[in-house]
C-alpha cells in the first residue's frame, strides 16, 4: 500500500495533466478533426508541457534551485511555476487556436490562471497542492465537456473523482501537504475551469 500511494504522486503528476486534458478533449469532441492535426497538436503539447519541463527540472536541480520534482519546499516553487506559466502562454498563443478549439483554449487558459494563483500563494509562503490543482482541473473540465457536448461521461468523471481522492490520500500519506493545502489546491484547480467554462458552455 505504501508503494501504491507513493506511486500515485508520479502517475498523476501535475505536469501530465495538461496533456491528459487534451487527449480527453480530442477523444470525445463530437466534431471532425483530421487525425494529422490531432497528432500534431498532441506532439506539440508533449514537447511544451512534458519534455521541456523535464529538461528545465534537471537544469534547475543541477544548479541547486530545486531539490525534488514534487517541489515540496514552498520557496523552490516560484521559478518552476513561472517557467510553466511561460510555456502555457506559448501553448495558448501558438498551439491551441481559440477559434477552432475554444474549449481546449480556455482549458489551458484556466491552467495558466491556476499556475499564477499558485505563484501568488507562494508569495505568502502558502504551499497549495499542485497535484490537486492538476487533477481537480481535469475533472472540472471533463464535467463541463459532458454538459457542453451533451455526452454521458459518467464513468470517466467517476474515475477522475477517484483520482482526486487517490491524489489527496497519496499526498497526505507522504506527509507532503496538510488538509488545508489540499483543499486550496482543489479549489485553485476547479475555480478557473468553472469560471472560464462560461465562455464556451
N, C-alpha and C. Protein backbone atom coordinates (compact mmCIF):
# COMPACT_ATOMS: atom_id res chain seq x y z
N UNK A 1 0.83 -1.21 0.00
CA UNK A 1 0.00 0.00 0.00
C UNK A 1 0.87 1.27 0.00
N UNK A 2 1.96 1.22 0.74
CA UNK A 2 2.86 2.36 0.79
C UNK A 2 3.42 2.67 -0.60
N UNK A 3 3.84 1.62 -1.33
CA UNK A 3 4.38 1.81 -2.68
C UNK A 3 3.31 2.34 -3.61
N UNK A 4 2.09 1.81 -3.49
CA UNK A 4 0.98 2.25 -4.36
C UNK A 4 0.68 3.73 -4.16
N UNK A 5 0.55 4.15 -2.90
CA UNK A 5 0.22 5.54 -2.63
C UNK A 5 1.33 6.49 -3.06
N UNK A 6 2.58 6.06 -2.88
CA UNK A 6 3.69 6.91 -3.33
C UNK A 6 3.75 6.98 -4.85
N UNK A 7 3.43 5.88 -5.51
CA UNK A 7 3.49 5.86 -6.98
C UNK A 7 2.41 6.76 -7.60
N UNK A 8 1.30 6.96 -6.88
CA UNK A 8 0.24 7.83 -7.37
C UNK A 8 0.76 9.25 -7.62
N UNK A 9 1.67 9.70 -6.77
CA UNK A 9 2.23 11.05 -6.91
C UNK A 9 3.00 11.21 -8.21
N UNK A 10 3.52 10.09 -8.75
CA UNK A 10 4.26 10.14 -10.02
C UNK A 10 3.32 9.88 -11.20
N UNK A 11 2.42 8.90 -11.03
CA UNK A 11 1.50 8.56 -12.12
C UNK A 11 0.58 9.73 -12.46
N UNK A 12 0.11 10.42 -11.42
CA UNK A 12 -0.79 11.56 -11.62
C UNK A 12 -0.08 12.87 -11.31
N UNK A 13 1.15 12.97 -11.77
CA UNK A 13 1.93 14.18 -11.55
C UNK A 13 1.30 15.35 -12.32
N UNK A 14 1.27 16.55 -11.74
CA UNK A 14 0.62 17.70 -12.40
C UNK A 14 1.17 18.04 -13.77
N UNK A 15 2.42 17.70 -14.05
CA UNK A 15 2.99 18.02 -15.36
C UNK A 15 2.30 17.23 -16.48
N UNK A 16 1.67 16.11 -16.12
CA UNK A 16 1.00 15.27 -17.11
C UNK A 16 -0.45 15.69 -17.38
N UNK A 17 -1.02 16.50 -16.50
CA UNK A 17 -2.44 16.83 -16.57
C UNK A 17 -2.84 17.63 -17.81
N UNK A 18 -2.07 18.63 -18.26
CA UNK A 18 -2.47 19.33 -19.49
C UNK A 18 -2.60 18.40 -20.69
N UNK A 19 -1.65 17.49 -20.84
CA UNK A 19 -1.72 16.54 -21.95
C UNK A 19 -2.93 15.63 -21.81
N UNK A 20 -3.22 15.18 -20.58
CA UNK A 20 -4.38 14.32 -20.35
C UNK A 20 -5.66 15.04 -20.73
N UNK A 21 -5.77 16.32 -20.37
CA UNK A 21 -6.95 17.08 -20.74
C UNK A 21 -7.13 17.18 -22.24
N UNK A 22 -6.02 17.39 -22.96
CA UNK A 22 -6.08 17.48 -24.42
C UNK A 22 -6.49 16.14 -25.03
N UNK A 23 -5.96 15.04 -24.50
CA UNK A 23 -6.32 13.71 -25.00
C UNK A 23 -7.80 13.43 -24.79
N UNK A 24 -8.31 13.79 -23.61
CA UNK A 24 -9.74 13.62 -23.34
C UNK A 24 -10.57 14.43 -24.33
N UNK A 25 -10.15 15.67 -24.55
CA UNK A 25 -10.90 16.54 -25.47
C UNK A 25 -10.92 15.97 -26.88
N UNK A 26 -9.77 15.62 -27.42
CA UNK A 26 -9.71 15.12 -28.79
C UNK A 26 -10.39 13.76 -28.92
N UNK A 27 -10.50 13.02 -27.83
CA UNK A 27 -11.13 11.69 -27.87
C UNK A 27 -12.65 11.77 -27.88
N UNK A 28 -13.21 12.81 -27.25
CA UNK A 28 -14.67 12.84 -27.09
C UNK A 28 -15.36 13.96 -27.87
N UNK A 29 -14.62 14.95 -28.35
CA UNK A 29 -15.25 16.07 -29.05
C UNK A 29 -15.99 15.56 -30.29
N UNK A 30 -17.31 15.80 -30.37
CA UNK A 30 -18.11 15.28 -31.49
C UNK A 30 -18.03 16.17 -32.73
N UNK A 31 -16.84 16.53 -33.12
CA UNK A 31 -16.64 17.31 -34.34
C UNK A 31 -15.46 16.70 -35.10
N UNK A 32 -15.48 16.88 -36.41
CA UNK A 32 -14.41 16.27 -37.20
C UNK A 32 -13.12 17.08 -37.07
N UNK A 33 -12.09 16.39 -36.60
CA UNK A 33 -10.75 16.98 -36.54
C UNK A 33 -9.82 15.98 -37.20
N UNK A 34 -9.17 16.33 -38.31
CA UNK A 34 -8.27 15.38 -39.00
C UNK A 34 -7.25 14.78 -38.05
N UNK A 35 -7.00 13.49 -38.21
CA UNK A 35 -6.08 12.79 -37.32
C UNK A 35 -4.68 13.39 -37.37
N UNK A 36 -4.30 13.91 -38.56
CA UNK A 36 -2.98 14.54 -38.67
C UNK A 36 -2.87 15.77 -37.78
N UNK A 37 -3.96 16.53 -37.70
CA UNK A 37 -3.99 17.73 -36.84
C UNK A 37 -3.89 17.33 -35.38
N UNK A 38 -4.66 16.30 -35.00
CA UNK A 38 -4.64 15.83 -33.61
C UNK A 38 -3.24 15.38 -33.23
N UNK A 39 -2.60 14.60 -34.10
CA UNK A 39 -1.25 14.11 -33.82
C UNK A 39 -0.27 15.27 -33.67
N UNK A 40 -0.41 16.27 -34.54
CA UNK A 40 0.50 17.42 -34.48
C UNK A 40 0.30 18.20 -33.18
N UNK A 41 -0.95 18.39 -32.77
CA UNK A 41 -1.24 19.11 -31.53
C UNK A 41 -0.72 18.34 -30.32
N UNK A 42 -0.97 17.03 -30.29
CA UNK A 42 -0.51 16.21 -29.17
C UNK A 42 1.01 16.20 -29.09
N UNK A 43 1.67 16.11 -30.24
CA UNK A 43 3.13 16.12 -30.28
C UNK A 43 3.68 17.44 -29.74
N UNK A 44 3.06 18.54 -30.16
CA UNK A 44 3.49 19.86 -29.68
C UNK A 44 3.29 19.98 -28.18
N UNK A 45 2.18 19.44 -27.67
CA UNK A 45 1.89 19.51 -26.24
C UNK A 45 2.86 18.64 -25.44
N UNK A 46 3.22 17.49 -25.99
CA UNK A 46 4.21 16.64 -25.31
C UNK A 46 5.52 17.38 -25.14
N UNK A 47 5.92 18.09 -26.20
CA UNK A 47 7.18 18.84 -26.14
C UNK A 47 7.10 19.99 -25.14
N UNK A 48 6.02 20.78 -25.23
CA UNK A 48 5.92 22.01 -24.45
C UNK A 48 5.50 21.78 -22.99
N UNK A 49 4.73 20.74 -22.73
CA UNK A 49 4.22 20.56 -21.37
C UNK A 49 4.89 19.42 -20.61
N UNK A 50 5.66 18.58 -21.32
CA UNK A 50 6.32 17.46 -20.63
C UNK A 50 7.83 17.47 -20.84
N UNK A 51 8.27 17.40 -22.09
CA UNK A 51 9.71 17.28 -22.36
C UNK A 51 10.49 18.52 -21.91
N UNK A 52 10.06 19.69 -22.31
CA UNK A 52 10.77 20.91 -21.91
C UNK A 52 10.74 21.10 -20.39
N UNK A 53 9.58 20.90 -19.72
CA UNK A 53 9.59 21.00 -18.25
C UNK A 53 10.55 20.03 -17.58
N UNK A 54 10.68 18.81 -18.11
CA UNK A 54 11.61 17.85 -17.52
C UNK A 54 13.06 18.29 -17.73
N UNK A 55 13.37 18.82 -18.91
CA UNK A 55 14.72 19.34 -19.15
C UNK A 55 15.01 20.49 -18.21
N UNK A 56 14.03 21.38 -18.06
CA UNK A 56 14.20 22.51 -17.14
C UNK A 56 14.35 22.05 -15.70
N UNK A 57 13.63 20.96 -15.34
CA UNK A 57 13.73 20.42 -13.99
C UNK A 57 15.16 19.96 -13.70
N UNK A 58 15.76 19.24 -14.63
CA UNK A 58 17.12 18.76 -14.42
C UNK A 58 18.12 19.92 -14.36
N UNK A 59 17.89 20.94 -15.18
CA UNK A 59 18.76 22.11 -15.12
C UNK A 59 18.64 22.82 -13.77
N UNK A 60 17.42 22.99 -13.29
CA UNK A 60 17.19 23.64 -12.01
C UNK A 60 17.72 22.80 -10.86
N UNK A 61 17.59 21.48 -10.98
CA UNK A 61 18.10 20.60 -9.92
C UNK A 61 19.62 20.60 -9.89
N UNK A 62 20.24 20.59 -11.05
CA UNK A 62 21.71 20.60 -11.11
C UNK A 62 22.30 21.91 -10.62
N UNK A 63 21.53 22.98 -10.72
CA UNK A 63 22.02 24.28 -10.23
C UNK A 63 21.63 24.52 -8.77
N UNK A 64 20.90 23.55 -8.19
CA UNK A 64 20.53 23.66 -6.78
C UNK A 64 19.34 24.53 -6.49
N UNK A 65 18.64 24.98 -7.54
CA UNK A 65 17.47 25.85 -7.33
C UNK A 65 16.30 25.06 -6.76
N UNK A 66 16.17 23.79 -7.21
CA UNK A 66 15.15 22.91 -6.65
C UNK A 66 15.81 21.59 -6.28
N UNK A 67 15.14 20.83 -5.41
CA UNK A 67 15.71 19.56 -4.95
C UNK A 67 14.85 18.36 -5.30
N UNK A 68 13.58 18.59 -5.66
CA UNK A 68 12.68 17.46 -5.93
C UNK A 68 11.68 17.82 -7.01
N UNK A 69 11.24 16.82 -7.74
CA UNK A 69 10.25 17.03 -8.80
C UNK A 69 8.89 17.41 -8.23
N UNK A 70 8.67 17.11 -6.95
CA UNK A 70 7.39 17.42 -6.31
C UNK A 70 7.37 18.82 -5.69
N UNK A 71 8.50 19.52 -5.68
CA UNK A 71 8.58 20.90 -5.19
C UNK A 71 7.98 21.04 -3.79
N UNK A 72 8.45 20.18 -2.87
CA UNK A 72 7.92 20.21 -1.51
C UNK A 72 8.22 21.53 -0.80
N UNK A 73 9.39 22.11 -1.10
CA UNK A 73 9.78 23.37 -0.46
C UNK A 73 9.08 24.53 -1.16
N UNK A 74 8.29 25.27 -0.40
CA UNK A 74 7.48 26.34 -0.99
C UNK A 74 8.34 27.40 -1.65
N UNK A 75 9.52 27.67 -1.11
CA UNK A 75 10.39 28.70 -1.67
C UNK A 75 10.97 28.29 -3.02
N UNK A 76 10.98 26.98 -3.31
CA UNK A 76 11.54 26.50 -4.57
C UNK A 76 10.50 26.49 -5.70
N UNK A 77 9.29 26.89 -5.42
CA UNK A 77 8.21 26.76 -6.39
C UNK A 77 8.14 27.92 -7.39
N UNK A 78 8.63 29.08 -7.00
CA UNK A 78 8.40 30.28 -7.80
C UNK A 78 8.95 30.17 -9.21
N UNK A 79 10.22 29.81 -9.36
CA UNK A 79 10.84 29.74 -10.69
C UNK A 79 10.21 28.65 -11.56
N UNK A 80 10.03 27.40 -11.06
CA UNK A 80 9.38 26.38 -11.89
C UNK A 80 7.98 26.78 -12.34
N UNK A 81 7.20 27.41 -11.44
CA UNK A 81 5.85 27.82 -11.80
C UNK A 81 5.86 28.96 -12.81
N UNK A 82 6.82 29.86 -12.69
CA UNK A 82 6.95 30.94 -13.66
C UNK A 82 7.31 30.39 -15.04
N UNK A 83 8.22 29.43 -15.07
CA UNK A 83 8.61 28.80 -16.34
C UNK A 83 7.43 28.04 -16.94
N UNK A 84 6.66 27.34 -16.09
CA UNK A 84 5.49 26.63 -16.58
C UNK A 84 4.47 27.62 -17.17
N UNK A 85 4.30 28.75 -16.51
CA UNK A 85 3.35 29.75 -17.00
C UNK A 85 3.77 30.28 -18.37
N UNK A 86 5.06 30.48 -18.55
CA UNK A 86 5.56 30.93 -19.85
C UNK A 86 5.27 29.89 -20.94
N UNK A 87 5.51 28.63 -20.62
CA UNK A 87 5.23 27.55 -21.58
C UNK A 87 3.74 27.46 -21.90
N UNK A 88 2.89 27.68 -20.90
CA UNK A 88 1.45 27.67 -21.13
C UNK A 88 1.03 28.82 -22.04
N UNK A 89 1.66 29.95 -21.89
CA UNK A 89 1.38 31.09 -22.77
C UNK A 89 1.76 30.75 -24.21
N UNK A 90 2.89 30.05 -24.38
CA UNK A 90 3.31 29.62 -25.72
C UNK A 90 2.26 28.67 -26.31
N UNK A 91 1.75 27.75 -25.50
CA UNK A 91 0.71 26.81 -25.96
C UNK A 91 -0.52 27.58 -26.40
N UNK A 92 -0.95 28.54 -25.59
CA UNK A 92 -2.16 29.31 -25.89
C UNK A 92 -1.98 30.16 -27.15
N UNK A 93 -0.80 30.70 -27.33
CA UNK A 93 -0.55 31.59 -28.46
C UNK A 93 -0.26 30.85 -29.77
N UNK A 94 0.39 29.67 -29.68
CA UNK A 94 0.91 29.03 -30.88
C UNK A 94 0.33 27.66 -31.21
N UNK A 95 -0.24 26.98 -30.23
CA UNK A 95 -0.68 25.60 -30.47
C UNK A 95 -2.20 25.45 -30.51
N UNK A 96 -2.88 26.03 -29.54
CA UNK A 96 -4.33 25.87 -29.43
C UNK A 96 -5.03 27.13 -29.90
N UNK A 97 -5.77 27.01 -30.98
CA UNK A 97 -6.48 28.13 -31.60
C UNK A 97 -7.84 28.31 -30.94
N UNK A 98 -8.11 29.51 -30.43
CA UNK A 98 -9.37 29.77 -29.74
C UNK A 98 -10.57 29.64 -30.68
N UNK A 99 -10.37 29.86 -31.98
CA UNK A 99 -11.47 29.80 -32.93
C UNK A 99 -11.84 28.37 -33.31
N UNK A 100 -10.84 27.49 -33.39
CA UNK A 100 -11.11 26.11 -33.77
C UNK A 100 -11.28 25.18 -32.56
N UNK A 101 -10.63 25.51 -31.46
CA UNK A 101 -10.69 24.66 -30.26
C UNK A 101 -10.97 25.51 -29.02
N UNK A 102 -12.13 26.20 -28.99
CA UNK A 102 -12.41 27.12 -27.88
C UNK A 102 -12.40 26.44 -26.52
N UNK A 103 -12.94 25.21 -26.45
CA UNK A 103 -12.98 24.50 -25.16
C UNK A 103 -11.57 24.23 -24.64
N UNK A 104 -10.72 23.75 -25.53
CA UNK A 104 -9.35 23.42 -25.14
C UNK A 104 -8.53 24.69 -24.86
N UNK A 105 -8.81 25.73 -25.61
CA UNK A 105 -8.12 27.01 -25.39
C UNK A 105 -8.38 27.52 -23.97
N UNK A 106 -9.65 27.53 -23.57
CA UNK A 106 -9.99 28.03 -22.24
C UNK A 106 -9.57 27.07 -21.15
N UNK A 107 -9.44 25.78 -21.49
CA UNK A 107 -8.89 24.82 -20.53
C UNK A 107 -7.44 25.19 -20.19
N UNK A 108 -6.65 25.47 -21.21
CA UNK A 108 -5.25 25.84 -20.97
C UNK A 108 -5.15 27.23 -20.34
N UNK A 109 -6.07 28.12 -20.68
CA UNK A 109 -6.09 29.42 -20.03
C UNK A 109 -6.40 29.26 -18.53
N UNK A 110 -7.29 28.31 -18.23
CA UNK A 110 -7.60 28.01 -16.83
C UNK A 110 -6.39 27.45 -16.10
N UNK A 111 -5.63 26.59 -16.77
CA UNK A 111 -4.40 26.05 -16.17
C UNK A 111 -3.41 27.19 -15.89
N UNK A 112 -3.32 28.14 -16.83
CA UNK A 112 -2.44 29.28 -16.64
C UNK A 112 -2.85 30.09 -15.41
N UNK A 113 -4.13 30.34 -15.27
CA UNK A 113 -4.62 31.08 -14.11
C UNK A 113 -4.35 30.31 -12.81
N UNK A 114 -4.48 28.98 -12.87
CA UNK A 114 -4.19 28.16 -11.69
C UNK A 114 -2.71 28.27 -11.32
N UNK A 115 -1.84 28.25 -12.33
CA UNK A 115 -0.40 28.39 -12.08
C UNK A 115 -0.07 29.74 -11.48
N UNK A 116 -0.68 30.78 -12.01
CA UNK A 116 -0.45 32.13 -11.48
C UNK A 116 -0.98 32.25 -10.05
N UNK A 117 -2.10 31.57 -9.78
CA UNK A 117 -2.65 31.57 -8.42
C UNK A 117 -1.70 30.86 -7.46
N UNK A 118 -1.10 29.77 -7.92
CA UNK A 118 -0.14 29.04 -7.09
C UNK A 118 1.08 29.92 -6.80
N UNK A 119 1.52 30.70 -7.80
CA UNK A 119 2.64 31.63 -7.60
C UNK A 119 2.25 32.68 -6.57
N UNK A 120 1.03 33.18 -6.67
CA UNK A 120 0.54 34.17 -5.71
C UNK A 120 0.57 33.61 -4.29
N UNK A 121 0.18 32.34 -4.15
CA UNK A 121 0.21 31.69 -2.84
C UNK A 121 1.64 31.60 -2.30
N UNK A 122 2.58 31.35 -3.20
CA UNK A 122 3.99 31.24 -2.78
C UNK A 122 4.47 32.55 -2.15
N UNK A 123 3.99 33.67 -2.66
CA UNK A 123 4.39 34.97 -2.13
C UNK A 123 4.02 35.11 -0.65
N UNK A 124 2.99 34.36 -0.23
CA UNK A 124 2.56 34.39 1.16
C UNK A 124 3.00 33.12 1.91
N UNK A 125 3.96 32.42 1.29
CA UNK A 125 4.53 31.21 1.90
C UNK A 125 3.48 30.12 2.09
N UNK A 126 2.52 30.05 1.18
CA UNK A 126 1.46 29.03 1.22
C UNK A 126 1.72 28.02 0.11
N UNK A 127 1.72 26.74 0.46
CA UNK A 127 2.06 25.68 -0.48
C UNK A 127 0.81 24.91 -0.89
N UNK A 128 0.04 25.47 -1.82
CA UNK A 128 -1.13 24.76 -2.33
C UNK A 128 -0.67 23.52 -3.10
N UNK A 129 -1.45 22.45 -3.01
CA UNK A 129 -1.07 21.19 -3.66
C UNK A 129 -1.18 21.29 -5.18
N UNK A 130 -0.04 21.20 -5.86
CA UNK A 130 -0.04 21.24 -7.33
C UNK A 130 -0.68 19.99 -7.91
N UNK A 131 -0.53 18.85 -7.22
CA UNK A 131 -1.17 17.61 -7.66
C UNK A 131 -2.69 17.77 -7.68
N UNK A 132 -3.25 18.37 -6.61
CA UNK A 132 -4.69 18.56 -6.54
C UNK A 132 -5.15 19.59 -7.57
N UNK A 133 -4.35 20.61 -7.81
CA UNK A 133 -4.70 21.60 -8.84
C UNK A 133 -4.87 20.91 -10.19
N UNK A 134 -3.91 20.05 -10.52
CA UNK A 134 -3.95 19.38 -11.81
C UNK A 134 -5.12 18.43 -11.97
N UNK A 135 -5.32 17.55 -11.02
CA UNK A 135 -6.34 16.51 -11.17
C UNK A 135 -7.75 17.07 -11.00
N UNK A 136 -7.93 18.08 -10.15
CA UNK A 136 -9.26 18.67 -9.98
C UNK A 136 -9.63 19.51 -11.21
N UNK A 137 -8.64 20.16 -11.81
CA UNK A 137 -8.89 20.93 -13.02
C UNK A 137 -9.36 20.04 -14.16
N UNK A 138 -8.72 18.88 -14.30
CA UNK A 138 -9.12 17.91 -15.33
C UNK A 138 -10.55 17.45 -15.10
N UNK A 139 -10.90 17.15 -13.85
CA UNK A 139 -12.24 16.67 -13.52
C UNK A 139 -13.29 17.72 -13.88
N UNK A 140 -13.04 18.99 -13.52
CA UNK A 140 -13.99 20.06 -13.81
C UNK A 140 -14.14 20.27 -15.30
N UNK A 141 -13.03 20.21 -16.03
CA UNK A 141 -13.06 20.37 -17.49
C UNK A 141 -13.89 19.26 -18.13
N UNK A 142 -13.72 18.04 -17.66
CA UNK A 142 -14.47 16.91 -18.22
C UNK A 142 -15.96 17.04 -17.94
N UNK A 143 -16.32 17.48 -16.74
CA UNK A 143 -17.73 17.71 -16.41
C UNK A 143 -18.32 18.76 -17.35
N UNK A 144 -17.57 19.84 -17.58
CA UNK A 144 -18.04 20.90 -18.48
C UNK A 144 -18.19 20.39 -19.91
N UNK A 145 -17.25 19.55 -20.36
CA UNK A 145 -17.35 18.97 -21.70
C UNK A 145 -18.59 18.09 -21.82
N UNK A 146 -18.88 17.33 -20.78
CA UNK A 146 -20.05 16.46 -20.78
C UNK A 146 -21.33 17.27 -20.95
N UNK A 147 -21.41 18.40 -20.25
CA UNK A 147 -22.58 19.27 -20.36
C UNK A 147 -22.63 19.94 -21.72
N UNK A 148 -21.50 20.45 -22.17
CA UNK A 148 -21.42 21.20 -23.42
C UNK A 148 -21.78 20.36 -24.64
N UNK A 149 -21.23 19.16 -24.70
CA UNK A 149 -21.48 18.30 -25.85
C UNK A 149 -22.67 17.37 -25.66
N UNK A 150 -23.29 17.39 -24.48
CA UNK A 150 -24.43 16.51 -24.22
C UNK A 150 -24.05 15.05 -24.23
N UNK A 151 -22.87 14.74 -23.69
CA UNK A 151 -22.37 13.37 -23.68
C UNK A 151 -22.46 12.76 -22.29
N UNK A 152 -22.72 11.48 -22.24
CA UNK A 152 -22.75 10.76 -20.96
C UNK A 152 -21.33 10.29 -20.64
N UNK A 153 -20.64 11.06 -19.81
CA UNK A 153 -19.27 10.75 -19.43
C UNK A 153 -19.19 10.34 -17.96
N UNK A 154 -20.26 9.73 -17.48
CA UNK A 154 -20.36 9.40 -16.05
C UNK A 154 -19.19 8.54 -15.57
N UNK A 155 -18.84 7.53 -16.34
CA UNK A 155 -17.76 6.62 -15.93
C UNK A 155 -16.43 7.36 -15.87
N UNK A 156 -16.15 8.16 -16.91
CA UNK A 156 -14.90 8.92 -16.95
C UNK A 156 -14.84 9.92 -15.79
N UNK A 157 -15.93 10.61 -15.54
CA UNK A 157 -15.98 11.58 -14.45
C UNK A 157 -15.78 10.87 -13.11
N UNK A 158 -16.42 9.70 -12.95
CA UNK A 158 -16.26 8.93 -11.71
C UNK A 158 -14.81 8.52 -11.51
N UNK A 159 -14.14 8.11 -12.58
CA UNK A 159 -12.73 7.72 -12.50
C UNK A 159 -11.88 8.92 -12.08
N UNK A 160 -12.16 10.07 -12.66
CA UNK A 160 -11.40 11.28 -12.32
C UNK A 160 -11.65 11.70 -10.87
N UNK A 161 -12.86 11.50 -10.38
CA UNK A 161 -13.15 11.79 -8.98
C UNK A 161 -12.37 10.85 -8.06
N UNK A 162 -12.28 9.59 -8.47
CA UNK A 162 -11.47 8.63 -7.71
C UNK A 162 -10.01 9.06 -7.70
N UNK A 163 -9.54 9.55 -8.86
CA UNK A 163 -8.17 10.06 -8.95
C UNK A 163 -7.95 11.21 -7.96
N UNK A 164 -8.97 12.08 -7.83
CA UNK A 164 -8.86 13.18 -6.87
C UNK A 164 -8.66 12.64 -5.46
N UNK A 165 -9.45 11.62 -5.12
CA UNK A 165 -9.33 11.01 -3.79
C UNK A 165 -7.99 10.33 -3.59
N UNK A 166 -7.51 9.63 -4.63
CA UNK A 166 -6.23 8.94 -4.54
C UNK A 166 -5.08 9.93 -4.38
N UNK A 167 -5.13 11.02 -5.14
CA UNK A 167 -4.08 12.03 -5.05
C UNK A 167 -4.05 12.65 -3.65
N UNK A 168 -5.22 13.00 -3.14
CA UNK A 168 -5.29 13.59 -1.80
C UNK A 168 -4.75 12.61 -0.75
N UNK A 169 -5.15 11.34 -0.86
CA UNK A 169 -4.68 10.32 0.07
C UNK A 169 -3.17 10.14 -0.03
N UNK A 170 -2.68 10.11 -1.26
CA UNK A 170 -1.24 9.94 -1.51
C UNK A 170 -0.43 11.07 -0.91
N UNK A 171 -0.89 12.31 -1.12
CA UNK A 171 -0.13 13.46 -0.62
C UNK A 171 -0.15 13.53 0.91
N UNK A 172 -1.27 13.10 1.51
CA UNK A 172 -1.34 13.05 2.97
C UNK A 172 -0.45 11.93 3.51
N UNK A 173 -0.48 10.79 2.81
CA UNK A 173 0.34 9.65 3.22
C UNK A 173 1.83 10.00 3.18
N UNK A 174 2.21 10.75 2.15
CA UNK A 174 3.62 11.14 2.00
C UNK A 174 3.99 12.33 2.89
N UNK A 175 2.98 12.84 3.64
CA UNK A 175 3.19 14.00 4.51
C UNK A 175 3.71 15.21 3.72
N UNK A 176 3.23 15.30 2.47
CA UNK A 176 3.66 16.40 1.60
C UNK A 176 2.79 17.64 1.78
N UNK A 177 1.55 17.45 2.26
CA UNK A 177 0.62 18.56 2.39
C UNK A 177 -0.28 18.37 3.60
N UNK A 178 -0.82 19.49 4.06
CA UNK A 178 -1.85 19.47 5.10
C UNK A 178 -3.22 19.41 4.41
N UNK A 179 -4.26 19.20 5.19
CA UNK A 179 -5.62 19.19 4.64
C UNK A 179 -5.94 20.53 3.98
N UNK A 180 -5.53 21.63 4.59
CA UNK A 180 -5.81 22.95 4.04
C UNK A 180 -5.12 23.15 2.69
N UNK A 181 -3.89 22.68 2.56
CA UNK A 181 -3.15 22.82 1.30
C UNK A 181 -3.80 22.00 0.19
N UNK A 182 -4.35 20.84 0.55
CA UNK A 182 -5.06 20.02 -0.43
C UNK A 182 -6.35 20.70 -0.87
N UNK A 183 -7.08 21.27 0.08
CA UNK A 183 -8.33 21.97 -0.24
C UNK A 183 -8.05 23.19 -1.12
N UNK A 184 -6.99 23.93 -0.78
CA UNK A 184 -6.61 25.09 -1.60
C UNK A 184 -6.28 24.65 -3.03
N UNK A 185 -5.52 23.56 -3.15
CA UNK A 185 -5.18 23.05 -4.47
C UNK A 185 -6.42 22.65 -5.25
N UNK A 186 -7.34 21.98 -4.57
CA UNK A 186 -8.60 21.56 -5.20
C UNK A 186 -9.37 22.76 -5.74
N UNK A 187 -9.48 23.80 -4.93
CA UNK A 187 -10.22 25.00 -5.33
C UNK A 187 -9.50 25.77 -6.43
N UNK A 188 -8.17 25.87 -6.34
CA UNK A 188 -7.41 26.60 -7.37
C UNK A 188 -7.48 25.87 -8.71
N UNK A 189 -7.65 24.55 -8.67
CA UNK A 189 -7.80 23.79 -9.91
C UNK A 189 -9.18 23.94 -10.51
N UNK A 190 -10.21 23.93 -9.67
CA UNK A 190 -11.59 23.93 -10.14
C UNK A 190 -12.08 25.33 -10.54
N UNK A 191 -11.84 26.32 -9.71
CA UNK A 191 -12.46 27.64 -9.92
C UNK A 191 -12.13 28.27 -11.28
N UNK A 192 -10.86 28.29 -11.73
CA UNK A 192 -10.60 28.86 -13.06
C UNK A 192 -11.33 28.11 -14.18
N UNK A 193 -11.36 26.77 -14.10
CA UNK A 193 -12.05 26.00 -15.12
C UNK A 193 -13.55 26.28 -15.10
N UNK A 194 -14.13 26.36 -13.92
CA UNK A 194 -15.55 26.62 -13.77
C UNK A 194 -15.88 28.03 -14.26
N UNK A 195 -15.04 28.99 -13.95
CA UNK A 195 -15.28 30.38 -14.36
C UNK A 195 -15.16 30.55 -15.87
N UNK A 196 -14.10 30.00 -16.45
CA UNK A 196 -13.86 30.16 -17.89
C UNK A 196 -14.81 29.32 -18.74
N UNK A 197 -15.43 28.31 -18.14
CA UNK A 197 -16.39 27.49 -18.89
C UNK A 197 -17.57 28.34 -19.35
N UNK A 198 -17.82 29.46 -18.68
CA UNK A 198 -18.90 30.37 -19.08
C UNK A 198 -18.68 30.95 -20.47
N UNK A 199 -17.42 30.94 -20.95
CA UNK A 199 -17.14 31.50 -22.28
C UNK A 199 -17.39 30.50 -23.41
N UNK A 200 -17.57 29.23 -23.06
CA UNK A 200 -17.79 28.26 -24.15
C UNK A 200 -18.94 27.29 -23.91
N UNK A 201 -19.49 27.27 -22.71
CA UNK A 201 -20.63 26.38 -22.46
C UNK A 201 -21.88 26.88 -23.19
